[in-house]
Amino acid sequence: MNSKCYELKILPLFEDNLNEIVDYITFRLKNPIAAEQFVDDVETAIYERLKSPFAFAPYESKRNREHVYYTIPVRNYTIFYVMIGDIREVRTIIYSRRDLKKLI
């Protein structure tokens, strides 16, 4: 069992994206309870993955990157993160039906 501890870093872009999603669910869809549950689901998924961030296949991208991207699916969204040493840097969250290959 992997007992290594990883530090978590959340980038402002992720926070901005998440806030936009929550605002959309809360105000446009008029469902603040669903928005709150979505945030809980995102938080749970991020912390669960912190236990074993390398246990999943890297995200395949045609772009040349310094750090490999990994994904966490949460409902209709995909969270993207990279590992930099012992730090898991959560970078963004994007609606999964968008053309992710163009965006990432």
N, C-alpha and C. Protein backbone atom coordinates (compact mmCIF):
# COMPACT_ATOMS: atom_id res chain seq x y z
N MET A 1 0.84 -1.18 0.00
CA MET A 1 0.00 0.00 0.00
C MET A 1 0.88 1.24 0.00
N ASN A 2 0.53 2.21 -0.79
CA ASN A 2 1.29 3.45 -0.89
C ASN A 2 0.87 4.38 0.24
N SER A 3 1.81 4.69 1.15
CA SER A 3 1.49 5.56 2.27
C SER A 3 2.16 6.92 2.13
N LYS A 4 2.72 7.21 0.98
CA LYS A 4 3.39 8.48 0.75
C LYS A 4 2.39 9.61 0.78
N CYS A 5 2.77 10.71 1.39
CA CYS A 5 1.90 11.89 1.45
C CYS A 5 2.28 12.86 0.35
N TYR A 6 1.27 13.34 -0.34
CA TYR A 6 1.48 14.31 -1.41
C TYR A 6 0.84 15.63 -1.00
N GLU A 7 1.53 16.70 -1.34
CA GLU A 7 1.00 18.04 -1.08
C GLU A 7 0.04 18.41 -2.20
N LEU A 8 -0.98 19.15 -1.85
CA LEU A 8 -1.98 19.57 -2.81
C LEU A 8 -1.86 21.07 -3.06
N LYS A 9 -1.82 21.43 -4.34
CA LYS A 9 -1.80 22.84 -4.73
C LYS A 9 -2.92 23.06 -5.74
N ILE A 10 -3.79 24.01 -5.46
CA ILE A 10 -4.91 24.33 -6.34
C ILE A 10 -4.59 25.64 -7.04
N LEU A 11 -4.58 25.62 -8.37
CA LEU A 11 -4.29 26.85 -9.12
C LEU A 11 -5.52 27.75 -9.20
N PRO A 12 -5.30 29.06 -9.28
CA PRO A 12 -6.42 30.00 -9.41
C PRO A 12 -7.32 29.71 -10.61
N LEU A 13 -6.78 29.21 -11.71
CA LEU A 13 -7.59 28.88 -12.87
C LEU A 13 -8.63 27.82 -12.51
N PHE A 14 -8.23 26.81 -11.76
CA PHE A 14 -9.18 25.79 -11.32
C PHE A 14 -10.29 26.42 -10.47
N GLU A 15 -9.90 27.26 -9.53
CA GLU A 15 -10.89 27.92 -8.67
C GLU A 15 -11.86 28.77 -9.49
N ASP A 16 -11.34 29.50 -10.46
CA ASP A 16 -12.19 30.32 -11.33
C ASP A 16 -13.16 29.45 -12.12
N ASN A 17 -12.65 28.36 -12.70
CA ASN A 17 -13.50 27.45 -13.48
C ASN A 17 -14.58 26.83 -12.59
N LEU A 18 -14.20 26.39 -11.42
CA LEU A 18 -15.16 25.78 -10.50
C LEU A 18 -16.23 26.79 -10.09
N ASN A 19 -15.83 28.01 -9.81
CA ASN A 19 -16.79 29.05 -9.44
C ASN A 19 -17.78 29.33 -10.57
N GLU A 20 -17.30 29.32 -11.80
CA GLU A 20 -18.19 29.51 -12.95
C GLU A 20 -19.22 28.38 -13.06
N ILE A 21 -18.76 27.16 -12.83
CA ILE A 21 -19.66 26.01 -12.89
C ILE A 21 -20.71 26.10 -11.78
N VAL A 22 -20.27 26.44 -10.58
CA VAL A 22 -21.18 26.55 -9.45
C VAL A 22 -22.19 27.67 -9.68
N ASP A 23 -21.73 28.80 -10.19
CA ASP A 23 -22.65 29.90 -10.51
C ASP A 23 -23.67 29.48 -11.55
N TYR A 24 -23.24 28.75 -12.55
CA TYR A 24 -24.15 28.28 -13.59
C TYR A 24 -25.24 27.38 -13.00
N ILE A 25 -24.80 26.42 -12.18
CA ILE A 25 -25.77 25.49 -11.59
C ILE A 25 -26.70 26.23 -10.62
N THR A 26 -26.13 27.15 -9.84
CA THR A 26 -26.91 27.86 -8.83
C THR A 26 -27.91 28.83 -9.45
N PHE A 27 -27.41 29.68 -10.37
CA PHE A 27 -28.24 30.78 -10.86
C PHE A 27 -28.95 30.48 -12.18
N ARG A 28 -28.26 29.88 -13.09
CA ARG A 28 -28.88 29.59 -14.40
C ARG A 28 -29.85 28.41 -14.31
N LEU A 29 -29.38 27.34 -13.64
CA LEU A 29 -30.23 26.16 -13.49
C LEU A 29 -31.11 26.25 -12.23
N LYS A 30 -30.83 27.26 -11.41
CA LYS A 30 -31.61 27.51 -10.19
C LYS A 30 -31.66 26.29 -9.27
N ASN A 31 -30.46 25.73 -9.04
CA ASN A 31 -30.38 24.53 -8.21
C ASN A 31 -29.17 24.62 -7.27
N PRO A 32 -29.26 25.47 -6.24
CA PRO A 32 -28.11 25.63 -5.33
C PRO A 32 -27.74 24.36 -4.57
N ILE A 33 -28.71 23.50 -4.33
CA ILE A 33 -28.41 22.25 -3.63
C ILE A 33 -27.51 21.36 -4.51
N ALA A 34 -27.83 21.28 -5.80
CA ALA A 34 -26.99 20.51 -6.73
C ALA A 34 -25.60 21.12 -6.84
N ALA A 35 -25.52 22.44 -6.82
CA ALA A 35 -24.22 23.12 -6.90
C ALA A 35 -23.36 22.76 -5.69
N GLU A 36 -23.97 22.78 -4.52
CA GLU A 36 -23.26 22.43 -3.30
C GLU A 36 -22.80 20.97 -3.32
N GLN A 37 -23.65 20.09 -3.79
CA GLN A 37 -23.29 18.67 -3.89
C GLN A 37 -22.15 18.46 -4.90
N PHE A 38 -22.18 19.24 -5.98
CA PHE A 38 -21.12 19.14 -6.98
C PHE A 38 -19.78 19.53 -6.37
N VAL A 39 -19.75 20.61 -5.61
CA VAL A 39 -18.51 21.02 -4.95
C VAL A 39 -18.03 19.93 -4.00
N ASP A 40 -18.94 19.34 -3.26
CA ASP A 40 -18.57 18.23 -2.36
C ASP A 40 -17.99 17.06 -3.14
N ASP A 41 -18.60 16.73 -4.27
CA ASP A 41 -18.11 15.63 -5.11
C ASP A 41 -16.72 15.93 -5.67
N VAL A 42 -16.50 17.16 -6.09
CA VAL A 42 -15.19 17.56 -6.61
C VAL A 42 -14.14 17.45 -5.51
N GLU A 43 -14.45 17.99 -4.36
CA GLU A 43 -13.51 17.94 -3.24
C GLU A 43 -13.17 16.50 -2.86
N THR A 44 -14.19 15.67 -2.76
CA THR A 44 -13.99 14.26 -2.42
C THR A 44 -13.09 13.57 -3.46
N ALA A 45 -13.36 13.80 -4.72
CA ALA A 45 -12.58 13.17 -5.80
C ALA A 45 -11.12 13.61 -5.74
N ILE A 46 -10.89 14.88 -5.51
CA ILE A 46 -9.51 15.39 -5.44
C ILE A 46 -8.76 14.77 -4.27
N TYR A 47 -9.38 14.72 -3.11
CA TYR A 47 -8.69 14.17 -1.94
C TYR A 47 -8.52 12.66 -2.02
N GLU A 48 -9.47 11.96 -2.62
CA GLU A 48 -9.32 10.52 -2.82
C GLU A 48 -8.14 10.22 -3.74
N ARG A 49 -8.01 11.00 -4.80
CA ARG A 49 -6.92 10.78 -5.76
C ARG A 49 -5.57 11.15 -5.16
N LEU A 50 -5.56 12.01 -4.15
CA LEU A 50 -4.31 12.41 -3.51
C LEU A 50 -3.61 11.21 -2.88
N LYS A 51 -4.39 10.19 -2.52
CA LYS A 51 -3.81 8.98 -1.91
C LYS A 51 -2.95 8.20 -2.90
N SER A 52 -3.30 8.24 -4.19
CA SER A 52 -2.54 7.48 -5.20
C SER A 52 -2.63 8.19 -6.55
N PRO A 53 -1.95 9.31 -6.69
CA PRO A 53 -2.09 10.12 -7.91
C PRO A 53 -1.55 9.48 -9.18
N PHE A 54 -0.67 8.49 -9.05
CA PHE A 54 -0.09 7.85 -10.23
C PHE A 54 -0.80 6.54 -10.60
N ALA A 55 -1.87 6.22 -9.91
CA ALA A 55 -2.55 4.94 -10.12
C ALA A 55 -3.38 4.91 -11.40
N PHE A 56 -3.48 6.02 -12.08
CA PHE A 56 -4.30 6.10 -13.29
C PHE A 56 -3.44 6.48 -14.48
N ALA A 57 -3.89 6.14 -15.65
CA ALA A 57 -3.12 6.41 -16.87
C ALA A 57 -3.02 7.91 -17.11
N PRO A 58 -1.88 8.37 -17.60
CA PRO A 58 -1.74 9.79 -17.95
C PRO A 58 -2.68 10.16 -19.09
N TYR A 59 -3.05 11.43 -19.13
CA TYR A 59 -3.90 11.94 -20.20
C TYR A 59 -3.03 12.09 -21.45
N GLU A 60 -3.47 11.51 -22.54
CA GLU A 60 -2.71 11.58 -23.78
C GLU A 60 -2.97 12.91 -24.48
N SER A 61 -1.89 13.64 -24.70
CA SER A 61 -1.98 14.94 -25.36
C SER A 61 -0.90 15.01 -26.43
N LYS A 62 -1.22 15.65 -27.52
CA LYS A 62 -0.24 15.79 -28.59
C LYS A 62 0.72 16.95 -28.32
N ARG A 63 0.39 17.76 -27.34
CA ARG A 63 1.25 18.89 -26.99
C ARG A 63 2.44 18.41 -26.17
N ASN A 64 3.56 19.02 -26.41
CA ASN A 64 4.77 18.72 -25.66
C ASN A 64 4.72 19.49 -24.34
N ARG A 65 4.70 18.77 -23.23
CA ARG A 65 4.56 19.39 -21.92
C ARG A 65 5.70 19.00 -21.00
N GLU A 66 6.00 19.89 -20.10
CA GLU A 66 7.02 19.60 -19.11
C GLU A 66 6.53 18.54 -18.11
N HIS A 67 5.22 18.61 -17.78
CA HIS A 67 4.64 17.67 -16.82
C HIS A 67 3.45 16.96 -17.46
N VAL A 68 3.33 15.70 -17.15
CA VAL A 68 2.24 14.87 -17.69
C VAL A 68 0.94 15.23 -16.98
N TYR A 69 -0.14 15.33 -17.75
CA TYR A 69 -1.46 15.58 -17.19
C TYR A 69 -2.14 14.27 -16.81
N TYR A 70 -2.89 14.32 -15.72
CA TYR A 70 -3.75 13.23 -15.27
C TYR A 70 -5.15 13.79 -15.13
N THR A 71 -6.14 12.92 -15.14
CA THR A 71 -7.52 13.39 -15.06
C THR A 71 -8.28 12.72 -13.91
N ILE A 72 -9.30 13.43 -13.47
CA ILE A 72 -10.25 12.91 -12.50
C ILE A 72 -11.64 13.23 -13.04
N PRO A 73 -12.42 12.22 -13.39
CA PRO A 73 -13.79 12.49 -13.85
C PRO A 73 -14.72 12.74 -12.64
N VAL A 74 -15.52 13.77 -12.75
CA VAL A 74 -16.52 14.07 -11.73
C VAL A 74 -17.79 14.49 -12.47
N ARG A 75 -18.77 13.62 -12.44
CA ARG A 75 -20.04 13.84 -13.16
C ARG A 75 -19.72 14.14 -14.63
N ASN A 76 -20.17 15.29 -15.13
CA ASN A 76 -19.95 15.65 -16.54
C ASN A 76 -18.71 16.50 -16.75
N TYR A 77 -17.80 16.48 -15.80
CA TYR A 77 -16.61 17.34 -15.85
C TYR A 77 -15.35 16.52 -15.70
N THR A 78 -14.25 17.10 -16.13
CA THR A 78 -12.94 16.46 -16.00
C THR A 78 -12.00 17.43 -15.32
N ILE A 79 -11.38 16.96 -14.25
CA ILE A 79 -10.37 17.75 -13.54
C ILE A 79 -9.01 17.33 -14.09
N PHE A 80 -8.15 18.30 -14.35
CA PHE A 80 -6.81 18.02 -14.85
C PHE A 80 -5.78 18.43 -13.80
N TYR A 81 -4.82 17.53 -13.55
CA TYR A 81 -3.75 17.84 -12.61
C TYR A 81 -2.43 17.29 -13.13
N VAL A 82 -1.33 17.81 -12.56
CA VAL A 82 0.00 17.33 -12.86
C VAL A 82 0.69 17.01 -11.54
N MET A 83 1.69 16.18 -11.61
CA MET A 83 2.53 15.88 -10.45
C MET A 83 3.88 16.53 -10.66
N ILE A 84 4.29 17.32 -9.69
CA ILE A 84 5.59 17.98 -9.72
C ILE A 84 6.28 17.60 -8.42
N GLY A 85 7.11 16.58 -8.50
CA GLY A 85 7.72 16.04 -7.29
C GLY A 85 6.65 15.46 -6.40
N ASP A 86 6.57 15.94 -5.16
CA ASP A 86 5.56 15.47 -4.21
C ASP A 86 4.32 16.37 -4.17
N ILE A 87 4.19 17.22 -5.17
CA ILE A 87 3.07 18.16 -5.21
C ILE A 87 2.12 17.77 -6.33
N ARG A 88 0.85 17.65 -5.98
CA ARG A 88 -0.16 17.47 -7.01
C ARG A 88 -0.78 18.83 -7.24
N GLU A 89 -0.59 19.33 -8.45
CA GLU A 89 -1.07 20.66 -8.82
C GLU A 89 -2.35 20.52 -9.63
N VAL A 90 -3.48 20.88 -9.06
CA VAL A 90 -4.77 20.81 -9.74
C VAL A 90 -4.89 22.07 -10.58
N ARG A 91 -4.99 21.88 -11.90
CA ARG A 91 -4.89 23.01 -12.81
C ARG A 91 -6.22 23.55 -13.33
N THR A 92 -7.13 22.67 -13.72
CA THR A 92 -8.38 23.16 -14.29
C THR A 92 -9.47 22.10 -14.22
N ILE A 93 -10.70 22.53 -14.45
CA ILE A 93 -11.84 21.63 -14.56
C ILE A 93 -12.64 22.09 -15.78
N ILE A 94 -12.99 21.13 -16.64
CA ILE A 94 -13.63 21.45 -17.92
C ILE A 94 -14.81 20.50 -18.14
N TYR A 95 -15.86 21.04 -18.73
CA TYR A 95 -17.02 20.24 -19.10
C TYR A 95 -16.55 19.15 -20.07
N SER A 96 -16.85 17.91 -19.78
CA SER A 96 -16.30 16.76 -20.52
C SER A 96 -16.76 16.66 -21.96
N ARG A 97 -17.87 17.27 -22.31
CA ARG A 97 -18.34 17.19 -23.70
C ARG A 97 -17.67 18.21 -24.61
N ARG A 98 -16.85 19.06 -24.05
CA ARG A 98 -16.08 19.99 -24.88
C ARG A 98 -14.94 19.20 -25.54
N ASP A 99 -14.33 19.79 -26.53
CA ASP A 99 -13.23 19.14 -27.23
C ASP A 99 -11.96 19.28 -26.37
N LEU A 100 -11.78 18.34 -25.47
CA LEU A 100 -10.68 18.42 -24.52
C LEU A 100 -9.31 18.40 -25.20
N LYS A 101 -9.21 17.67 -26.30
CA LYS A 101 -7.92 17.60 -27.01
C LYS A 101 -7.49 18.99 -27.52
N LYS A 102 -8.44 19.83 -27.87
CA LYS A 102 -8.11 21.18 -28.32
C LYS A 102 -7.76 22.08 -27.16
N LEU A 103 -8.36 21.83 -26.02
CA LEU A 103 -8.19 22.70 -24.85
C LEU A 103 -6.98 22.35 -24.00
N ILE A 104 -6.62 21.09 -23.99
CA ILE A 104 -5.52 20.65 -23.10
C ILE A 104 -4.33 20.21 -23.92
